[in-house]
Amino acid sequence: MKRILNKQRVRGKDKYLVCWKGFTTESNTWEGRENLKNAKKAIEEFEKEYWRDIEDVVRQECEKGMFKRGELPGRFTTRKLFG
């Protein structure tokens, strides 16, 4: 494994997009945590970077005044339509 590129949740389980060493990007695969037991350090590094990026987006949107403090921007936000 070269590195982890992305993360998604499928049926309540985390899946990671893995870039494999020596292969092209077409060979990247989505793998569950159970298939990455030997990559704990890579998962931890990815998770730190992933949450840091989310915090940066939230902070930038709050500074622009587009969202209230504590409200998540864009695709993370649900809005109350009635009442």
PDB file of N, CA and C in Angstrom:
ATOM      1  N   MET A   1       0.838  -1.176   0.000  1.00  0.00           N
ATOM      2  CA  MET A   1       0.000   0.000   0.000  1.00  0.00           C
ATOM      3  C   MET A   1       0.886   1.243   0.000  1.00  0.00           C
ATOM      4  N   LYS A   2       0.500   2.207  -0.819  1.00  0.00           N
ATOM      5  CA  LYS A   2       1.237   3.462  -0.888  1.00  0.00           C
ATOM      6  C   LYS A   2       0.656   4.483   0.083  1.00  0.00           C
ATOM      7  N   ARG A   3      -0.665   4.709  -0.001  1.00  0.00           N
ATOM      8  CA  ARG A   3      -1.340   5.640   0.909  1.00  0.00           C
ATOM      9  C   ARG A   3      -2.848   5.523   0.791  1.00  0.00           C
ATOM     10  N   ILE A   4      -3.549   6.145   1.737  1.00  0.00           N
ATOM     11  CA  ILE A   4      -5.006   6.186   1.723  1.00  0.00           C
ATOM     12  C   ILE A   4      -5.425   7.540   1.165  1.00  0.00           C
ATOM     13  N   LEU A   5      -6.357   7.524   0.216  1.00  0.00           N
ATOM     14  CA  LEU A   5      -6.756   8.740  -0.484  1.00  0.00           C
ATOM     15  C   LEU A   5      -8.073   9.332   0.000  1.00  0.00           C
ATOM     16  N   ASN A   6      -9.009   8.468   0.430  1.00  0.00           N
ATOM     17  CA  ASN A   6     -10.334   8.957   0.790  1.00  0.00           C
ATOM     18  C   ASN A   6     -11.017   7.961   1.716  1.00  0.00           C
ATOM     19  N   LYS A   7     -12.183   8.352   2.225  1.00  0.00           N
ATOM     20  CA  LYS A   7     -12.940   7.518   3.149  1.00  0.00           C
ATOM     21  C   LYS A   7     -14.425   7.688   2.852  1.00  0.00           C
ATOM     22  N   GLN A   8     -15.184   6.604   3.005  1.00  0.00           N
ATOM     23  CA  GLN A   8     -16.629   6.673   2.902  1.00  0.00           C
ATOM     24  C   GLN A   8     -17.227   5.649   3.860  1.00  0.00           C
ATOM     25  N   ARG A   9     -18.485   5.872   4.230  1.00  0.00           N
ATOM     26  CA  ARG A   9     -19.167   4.946   5.125  1.00  0.00           C
ATOM     27  C   ARG A   9     -20.213   4.200   4.309  1.00  0.00           C
ATOM     28  N   VAL A  10     -20.106   2.871   4.311  1.00  0.00           N
ATOM     29  CA  VAL A  10     -21.029   2.016   3.571  1.00  0.00           C
ATOM     30  C   VAL A  10     -21.641   1.026   4.551  1.00  0.00           C
ATOM     31  N   ARG A  11     -22.966   1.099   4.688  1.00  0.00           N
ATOM     32  CA  ARG A  11     -23.696   0.212   5.594  1.00  0.00           C
ATOM     33  C   ARG A  11     -23.105   0.204   7.001  1.00  0.00           C
ATOM     34  N   GLY A  12     -22.746   1.388   7.471  1.00  0.00           N
ATOM     35  CA  GLY A  12     -22.248   1.543   8.830  1.00  0.00           C
ATOM     36  C   GLY A  12     -20.784   1.189   9.036  1.00  0.00           C
ATOM     37  N   LYS A  13     -20.064   0.861   7.969  1.00  0.00           N
ATOM     38  CA  LYS A  13     -18.647   0.508   8.091  1.00  0.00           C
ATOM     39  C   LYS A  13     -17.807   1.456   7.237  1.00  0.00           C
ATOM     40  N   ASP A  14     -16.651   1.819   7.772  1.00  0.00           N
ATOM     41  CA  ASP A  14     -15.745   2.698   7.039  1.00  0.00           C
ATOM     42  C   ASP A  14     -15.016   1.925   5.951  1.00  0.00           C
ATOM     43  N   LYS A  15     -14.943   2.539   4.774  1.00  0.00           N
ATOM     44  CA  LYS A  15     -14.172   2.003   3.648  1.00  0.00           C
ATOM     45  C   LYS A  15     -13.156   3.066   3.259  1.00  0.00           C
ATOM     46  N   TYR A  16     -11.959   2.641   2.928  1.00  0.00           N
ATOM     47  CA  TYR A  16     -10.878   3.556   2.570  1.00  0.00           C
ATOM     48  C   TYR A  16     -10.451   3.309   1.130  1.00  0.00           C
ATOM     49  N   LEU A  17     -10.230   4.407   0.402  1.00  0.00           N
ATOM     50  CA  LEU A  17      -9.735   4.308  -0.966  1.00  0.00           C
ATOM     51  C   LEU A  17      -8.214   4.200  -0.888  1.00  0.00           C
ATOM     52  N   VAL A  18      -7.701   3.056  -1.319  1.00  0.00           N
ATOM     53  CA  VAL A  18      -6.277   2.759  -1.168  1.00  0.00           C
ATOM     54  C   VAL A  18      -5.564   2.891  -2.500  1.00  0.00           C
ATOM     55  N   CYS A  19      -4.450   3.615  -2.474  1.00  0.00           N
ATOM     56  CA  CYS A  19      -3.549   3.718  -3.620  1.00  0.00           C
ATOM     57  C   CYS A  19      -2.446   2.679  -3.400  1.00  0.00           C
ATOM     58  N   TRP A  20      -2.324   1.750  -4.330  1.00  0.00           N
ATOM     59  CA  TRP A  20      -1.371   0.663  -4.176  1.00  0.00           C
ATOM     60  C   TRP A  20      -0.029   1.006  -4.808  1.00  0.00           C
ATOM     61  N   LYS A  21       1.033   0.696  -4.101  1.00  0.00           N
ATOM     62  CA  LYS A  21       2.396   0.957  -4.558  1.00  0.00           C
ATOM     63  C   LYS A  21       2.685   0.122  -5.808  1.00  0.00           C
ATOM     64  N   GLY A  22       3.213   0.790  -6.833  1.00  0.00           N
ATOM     65  CA  GLY A  22       3.583   0.108  -8.067  1.00  0.00           C
ATOM     66  C   GLY A  22       2.452  -0.063  -9.066  1.00  0.00           C
ATOM     67  N   PHE A  23       1.262   0.477  -8.759  1.00  0.00           N
ATOM     68  CA  PHE A  23       0.109   0.355  -9.654  1.00  0.00           C
ATOM     69  C   PHE A  23      -0.386   1.739 -10.054  1.00  0.00           C
ATOM     70  N   THR A  24      -1.162   1.793 -11.124  1.00  0.00           N
ATOM     71  CA  THR A  24      -1.722   3.058 -11.593  1.00  0.00           C
ATOM     72  C   THR A  24      -2.973   3.403 -10.785  1.00  0.00           C
ATOM     73  N   THR A  25      -3.495   4.613 -10.999  1.00  0.00           N
ATOM     74  CA  THR A  25      -4.678   5.049 -10.257  1.00  0.00           C
ATOM     75  C   THR A  25      -5.913   4.217 -10.591  1.00  0.00           C
ATOM     76  N   GLU A  26      -5.928   3.588 -11.750  1.00  0.00           N
ATOM     77  CA  GLU A  26      -7.057   2.723 -12.103  1.00  0.00           C
ATOM     78  C   GLU A  26      -7.128   1.502 -11.183  1.00  0.00           C
ATOM     79  N   SER A  27      -6.033   1.188 -10.512  1.00  0.00           N
ATOM     80  CA  SER A  27      -5.980   0.026  -9.623  1.00  0.00           C
ATOM     81  C   SER A  27      -6.348   0.359  -8.182  1.00  0.00           C
ATOM     82  N   ASN A  28      -6.664   1.635  -7.895  1.00  0.00           N
ATOM     83  CA  ASN A  28      -7.079   1.999  -6.542  1.00  0.00           C
ATOM     84  C   ASN A  28      -8.346   1.239  -6.186  1.00  0.00           C
ATOM     85  N   THR A  29      -8.440   0.801  -4.924  1.00  0.00           N
ATOM     86  CA  THR A  29      -9.607   0.031  -4.497  1.00  0.00           C
ATOM     87  C   THR A  29     -10.144   0.548  -3.171  1.00  0.00           C
ATOM     88  N   TRP A  30     -11.439   0.315  -2.941  1.00  0.00           N
ATOM     89  CA  TRP A  30     -12.071   0.617  -1.661  1.00  0.00           C
ATOM     90  C   TRP A  30     -11.926  -0.611  -0.784  1.00  0.00           C
ATOM     91  N   GLU A  31     -11.304  -0.438   0.371  1.00  0.00           N
ATOM     92  CA  GLU A  31     -11.068  -1.553   1.283  1.00  0.00           C
ATOM     93  C   GLU A  31     -11.634  -1.238   2.655  1.00  0.00           C
ATOM     94  N   GLY A  32     -12.205  -2.254   3.298  1.00  0.00           N
ATOM     95  CA  GLY A  32     -12.677  -2.107   4.663  1.00  0.00           C
ATOM     96  C   GLY A  32     -11.511  -2.135   5.637  1.00  0.00           C
ATOM     97  N   ARG A  33     -11.758  -1.628   6.832  1.00  0.00           N
ATOM     98  CA  ARG A  33     -10.710  -1.592   7.861  1.00  0.00           C
ATOM     99  C   ARG A  33     -10.184  -2.995   8.149  1.00  0.00           C
ATOM    100  N   GLU A  34     -11.069  -3.996   8.074  1.00  0.00           N
ATOM    101  CA  GLU A  34     -10.652  -5.371   8.366  1.00  0.00           C
ATOM    102  C   GLU A  34      -9.615  -5.885   7.372  1.00  0.00           C
ATOM    103  N   ASN A  35      -9.567  -5.297   6.173  1.00  0.00           N
ATOM    104  CA  ASN A  35      -8.574  -5.701   5.174  1.00  0.00           C
ATOM    105  C   ASN A  35      -7.279  -4.904   5.280  1.00  0.00           C
ATOM    106  N   LEU A  36      -7.238  -3.940   6.194  1.00  0.00           N
ATOM    107  CA  LEU A  36      -6.063  -3.071   6.329  1.00  0.00           C
ATOM    108  C   LEU A  36      -5.441  -3.192   7.721  1.00  0.00           C
ATOM    109  N   LYS A  37      -5.446  -4.390   8.275  1.00  0.00           N
ATOM    110  CA  LYS A  37      -4.920  -4.598   9.633  1.00  0.00           C
ATOM    111  C   LYS A  37      -3.453  -4.224   9.762  1.00  0.00           C
ATOM    112  N   ASN A  38      -2.687  -4.362   8.694  1.00  0.00           N
ATOM    113  CA  ASN A  38      -1.255  -4.037   8.732  1.00  0.00           C
ATOM    114  C   ASN A  38      -0.978  -2.572   8.410  1.00  0.00           C
ATOM    115  N   ALA A  39      -2.023  -1.772   8.251  1.00  0.00           N
ATOM    116  CA  ALA A  39      -1.869  -0.368   7.863  1.00  0.00           C
ATOM    117  C   ALA A  39      -2.439   0.578   8.914  1.00  0.00           C
ATOM    118  N   LYS A  40      -2.341   0.226  10.181  1.00  0.00           N
ATOM    119  CA  LYS A  40      -2.914   1.052  11.248  1.00  0.00           C
ATOM    120  C   LYS A  40      -2.326   2.459  11.259  1.00  0.00           C
ATOM    121  N   LYS A  41      -1.019   2.563  11.035  1.00  0.00           N
ATOM    122  CA  LYS A  41      -0.374   3.877  11.042  1.00  0.00           C
ATOM    123  C   LYS A  41      -0.898   4.749   9.891  1.00  0.00           C
ATOM    124  N   ALA A  42      -1.053   4.166   8.716  1.00  0.00           N
ATOM    125  CA  ALA A  42      -1.559   4.913   7.558  1.00  0.00           C
ATOM    126  C   ALA A  42      -2.998   5.378   7.807  1.00  0.00           C
ATOM    127  N   ILE A  43      -3.812   4.545   8.446  1.00  0.00           N
ATOM    128  CA  ILE A  43      -5.194   4.919   8.758  1.00  0.00           C
ATOM    129  C   ILE A  43      -5.212   6.067   9.761  1.00  0.00           C
ATOM    130  N   GLU A  44      -4.381   5.981  10.805  1.00  0.00           N
ATOM    131  CA  GLU A  44      -4.324   7.041  11.807  1.00  0.00           C
ATOM    132  C   GLU A  44      -3.899   8.369  11.193  1.00  0.00           C
ATOM    133  N   GLU A  45      -2.885   8.351  10.332  1.00  0.00           N
ATOM    134  CA  GLU A  45      -2.426   9.574   9.664  1.00  0.00           C
ATOM    135  C   GLU A  45      -3.521  10.150   8.780  1.00  0.00           C
ATOM    136  N   PHE A  46      -4.216   9.285   8.033  1.00  0.00           N
ATOM    137  CA  PHE A  46      -5.291   9.754   7.172  1.00  0.00           C
ATOM    138  C   PHE A  46      -6.403  10.376   7.999  1.00  0.00           C
ATOM    139  N   GLU A  47      -6.811   9.711   9.087  1.00  0.00           N
ATOM    140  CA  GLU A  47      -7.892  10.218   9.936  1.00  0.00           C
ATOM    141  C   GLU A  47      -7.552  11.601  10.506  1.00  0.00           C
ATOM    142  N   LYS A  48      -6.319  11.804  10.959  1.00  0.00           N
ATOM    143  CA  LYS A  48      -5.909  13.113  11.483  1.00  0.00           C
ATOM    144  C   LYS A  48      -6.046  14.183  10.411  1.00  0.00           C
ATOM    145  N   GLU A  49      -5.546  13.894   9.225  1.00  0.00           N
ATOM    146  CA  GLU A  49      -5.611  14.848   8.113  1.00  0.00           C
ATOM    147  C   GLU A  49      -7.058  15.088   7.684  1.00  0.00           C
ATOM    148  N   TYR A  50      -7.857  14.043   7.631  1.00  0.00           N
ATOM    149  CA  TYR A  50      -9.266  14.115   7.233  1.00  0.00           C
ATOM    150  C   TYR A  50     -10.047  15.049   8.154  1.00  0.00           C
ATOM    151  N   TRP A  51      -9.916  14.864   9.467  1.00  0.00           N
ATOM    152  CA  TRP A  51     -10.658  15.706  10.418  1.00  0.00           C
ATOM    153  C   TRP A  51     -10.110  17.121  10.466  1.00  0.00           C
ATOM    154  N   ARG A  52      -8.813  17.281  10.261  1.00  0.00           N
ATOM    155  CA  ARG A  52      -8.231  18.628  10.209  1.00  0.00           C
ATOM    156  C   ARG A  52      -8.800  19.390   9.017  1.00  0.00           C
ATOM    157  N   ASP A  53      -8.955  18.724   7.879  1.00  0.00           N
ATOM    158  CA  ASP A  53      -9.531  19.358   6.690  1.00  0.00           C
ATOM    159  C   ASP A  53     -10.984  19.756   6.921  1.00  0.00           C
ATOM    160  N   ILE A  54     -11.757  18.897   7.574  1.00  0.00           N
ATOM    161  CA  ILE A  54     -13.157  19.224   7.858  1.00  0.00           C
ATOM    162  C   ILE A  54     -13.236  20.427   8.788  1.00  0.00           C
ATOM    163  N   GLU A  55     -12.388  20.464   9.815  1.00  0.00           N
ATOM    164  CA  GLU A  55     -12.377  21.604  10.734  1.00  0.00           C
ATOM    165  C   GLU A  55     -12.025  22.894  10.007  1.00  0.00           C
ATOM    166  N   ASP A  56     -11.087  22.829   9.058  1.00  0.00           N
ATOM    167  CA  ASP A  56     -10.713  24.015   8.281  1.00  0.00           C
ATOM    168  C   ASP A  56     -11.889  24.536   7.462  1.00  0.00           C
ATOM    169  N   VAL A  57     -12.633  23.636   6.827  1.00  0.00           N
ATOM    170  CA  VAL A  57     -13.786  24.046   6.018  1.00  0.00           C
ATOM    171  C   VAL A  57     -14.839  24.707   6.898  1.00  0.00           C
ATOM    172  N   VAL A  58     -15.128  24.108   8.035  1.00  0.00           N
ATOM    173  CA  VAL A  58     -16.127  24.666   8.951  1.00  0.00           C
ATOM    174  C   VAL A  58     -15.688  26.046   9.429  1.00  0.00           C
ATOM    175  N   ARG A  59     -14.411  26.198   9.808  1.00  0.00           N
ATOM    176  CA  ARG A  59     -13.903  27.486  10.283  1.00  0.00           C
ATOM    177  C   ARG A  59     -13.997  28.553   9.193  1.00  0.00           C
ATOM    178  N   GLN A  60     -13.626  28.212   7.969  1.00  0.00           N
ATOM    179  CA  GLN A  60     -13.686  29.175   6.866  1.00  0.00           C
ATOM    180  C   GLN A  60     -15.113  29.622   6.599  1.00  0.00           C
ATOM    181  N   GLU A  61     -16.046  28.690   6.605  1.00  0.00           N
ATOM    182  CA  GLU A  61     -17.440  29.040   6.350  1.00  0.00           C
ATOM    183  C   GLU A  61     -18.012  29.896   7.477  1.00  0.00           C
ATOM    184  N   CYS A  62     -17.623  29.615   8.711  1.00  0.00           N
ATOM    185  CA  CYS A  62     -18.099  30.420   9.842  1.00  0.00           C
ATOM    186  C   CYS A  62     -17.536  31.838   9.764  1.00  0.00           C
ATOM    187  N   GLU A  63     -16.264  31.964   9.354  1.00  0.00           N
ATOM    188  CA  GLU A  63     -15.645  33.287   9.236  1.00  0.00           C
ATOM    189  C   GLU A  63     -16.322  34.123   8.148  1.00  0.00           C
ATOM    190  N   LYS A  64     -16.813  33.475   7.109  1.00  0.00           N
ATOM    191  CA  LYS A  64     -17.513  34.191   6.040  1.00  0.00           C
ATOM    192  C   LYS A  64     -18.907  34.614   6.476  1.00  0.00           C
ATOM    193  N   GLY A  65     -19.363  34.080   7.599  1.00  0.00           N
ATOM    194  CA  GLY A  65     -20.691  34.424   8.089  1.00  0.00           C
ATOM    195  C   GLY A  65     -21.814  33.681   7.405  1.00  0.00           C
ATOM    196  N   MET A  66     -21.475  32.649   6.662  1.00  0.00           N
ATOM    197  CA  MET A  66     -22.495  31.913   5.936  1.00  0.00           C
ATOM    198  C   MET A  66     -23.248  30.938   6.835  1.00  0.00           C
ATOM    199  N   PHE A  67     -22.618  30.505   7.915  1.00  0.00           N
ATOM    200  CA  PHE A  67     -23.224  29.526   8.800  1.00  0.00           C
ATOM    201  C   PHE A  67     -23.025  29.942  10.243  1.00  0.00           C
ATOM    202  N   LYS A  68     -23.925  29.486  11.077  1.00  0.00           N
ATOM    203  CA  LYS A  68     -23.789  29.742  12.501  1.00  0.00           C
ATOM    204  C   LYS A  68     -22.720  28.828  13.074  1.00  0.00           C
ATOM    205  N   ARG A  69     -22.135  29.246  14.174  1.00  0.00           N
ATOM    206  CA  ARG A  69     -21.141  28.420  14.845  1.00  0.00           C
ATOM    207  C   ARG A  69     -21.775  27.083  15.232  1.00  0.00           C
ATOM    208  N   GLY A  70     -21.110  25.989  14.919  1.00  0.00           N
ATOM    209  CA  GLY A  70     -21.619  24.670  15.240  1.00  0.00           C
ATOM    210  C   GLY A  70     -22.437  24.034  14.131  1.00  0.00           C
ATOM    211  N   GLU A  71     -22.806  24.819  13.120  1.00  0.00           N
ATOM    212  CA  GLU A  71     -23.565  24.283  11.999  1.00  0.00           C
ATOM    213  C   GLU A  71     -22.582  23.859  10.916  1.00  0.00           C
ATOM    214  N   LEU A  72     -22.779  22.692  10.351  1.00  0.00           N
ATOM    215  CA  LEU A  72     -21.876  22.207   9.314  1.00  0.00           C
ATOM    216  C   LEU A  72     -22.271  22.770   7.956  1.00  0.00           C
ATOM    217  N   PRO A  73     -21.299  23.113   7.121  1.00  0.00           N
ATOM    218  CA  PRO A  73     -21.576  23.688   5.814  1.00  0.00           C
ATOM    219  C   PRO A  73     -21.979  22.659   4.767  1.00  0.00           C
ATOM    220  N   GLY A  74     -22.594  23.168   3.715  1.00  0.00           N
ATOM    221  CA  GLY A  74     -22.848  22.415   2.494  1.00  0.00           C
ATOM    222  C   GLY A  74     -23.535  21.086   2.659  1.00  0.00           C
ATOM    223  N   ARG A  75     -22.906  20.061   2.141  1.00  0.00           N
ATOM    224  CA  ARG A  75     -23.517  18.737   2.093  1.00  0.00           C
ATOM    225  C   ARG A  75     -23.752  18.131   3.464  1.00  0.00           C
ATOM    226  N   PHE A  76     -23.134  18.693   4.519  1.00  0.00           N
ATOM    227  CA  PHE A  76     -23.304  18.160   5.858  1.00  0.00           C
ATOM    228  C   PHE A  76     -24.533  18.732   6.547  1.00  0.00           C
ATOM    229  N   THR A  77     -25.149  19.736   5.959  1.00  0.00           N
ATOM    230  CA  THR A  77     -26.207  20.483   6.639  1.00  0.00           C
ATOM    231  C   THR A  77     -27.585  20.040   6.186  1.00  0.00           C
ATOM    232  N   THR A  78     -28.484  19.873   7.137  1.00  0.00           N
ATOM    233  CA  THR A  78     -29.886  19.696   6.807  1.00  0.00           C
ATOM    234  C   THR A  78     -30.606  20.949   7.274  1.00  0.00           C
ATOM    235  N   ARG A  79     -31.543  21.395   6.525  1.00  0.00           N
ATOM    236  CA  ARG A  79     -32.276  22.615   6.846  1.00  0.00           C
ATOM    237  C   ARG A  79     -33.713  22.278   7.208  1.00  0.00           C
ATOM    238  N   LYS A  80     -34.271  23.029   8.119  1.00  0.00           N
ATOM    239  CA  LYS A  80     -35.667  22.865   8.506  1.00  0.00           C
ATOM    240  C   LYS A  80     -36.526  23.594   7.493  1.00  0.00           C
ATOM    241  N   LEU A  81     -37.438  22.875   6.853  1.00  0.00           N
ATOM    242  CA  LEU A  81     -38.238  23.479   5.805  1.00  0.00           C
ATOM    243  C   LEU A  81     -39.557  24.057   6.314  1.00  0.00           C
ATOM    244  N   PHE A  82     -40.131  23.446   7.323  1.00  0.00           N
ATOM    245  CA  PHE A  82     -41.417  23.896   7.832  1.00  0.00           C
ATOM    246  C   PHE A  82     -41.349  24.067   9.343  1.00  0.00           C
ATOM    247  N   GLY A  83     -42.127  25.041   9.837  1.00  0.00           N
ATOM    248  CA  GLY A  83     -42.287  25.217  11.280  1.00  0.00           C
ATOM    249  C   GLY A  83     -41.101  25.733  11.934  1.00  0.00           C
TER     250      GLY A  83
END
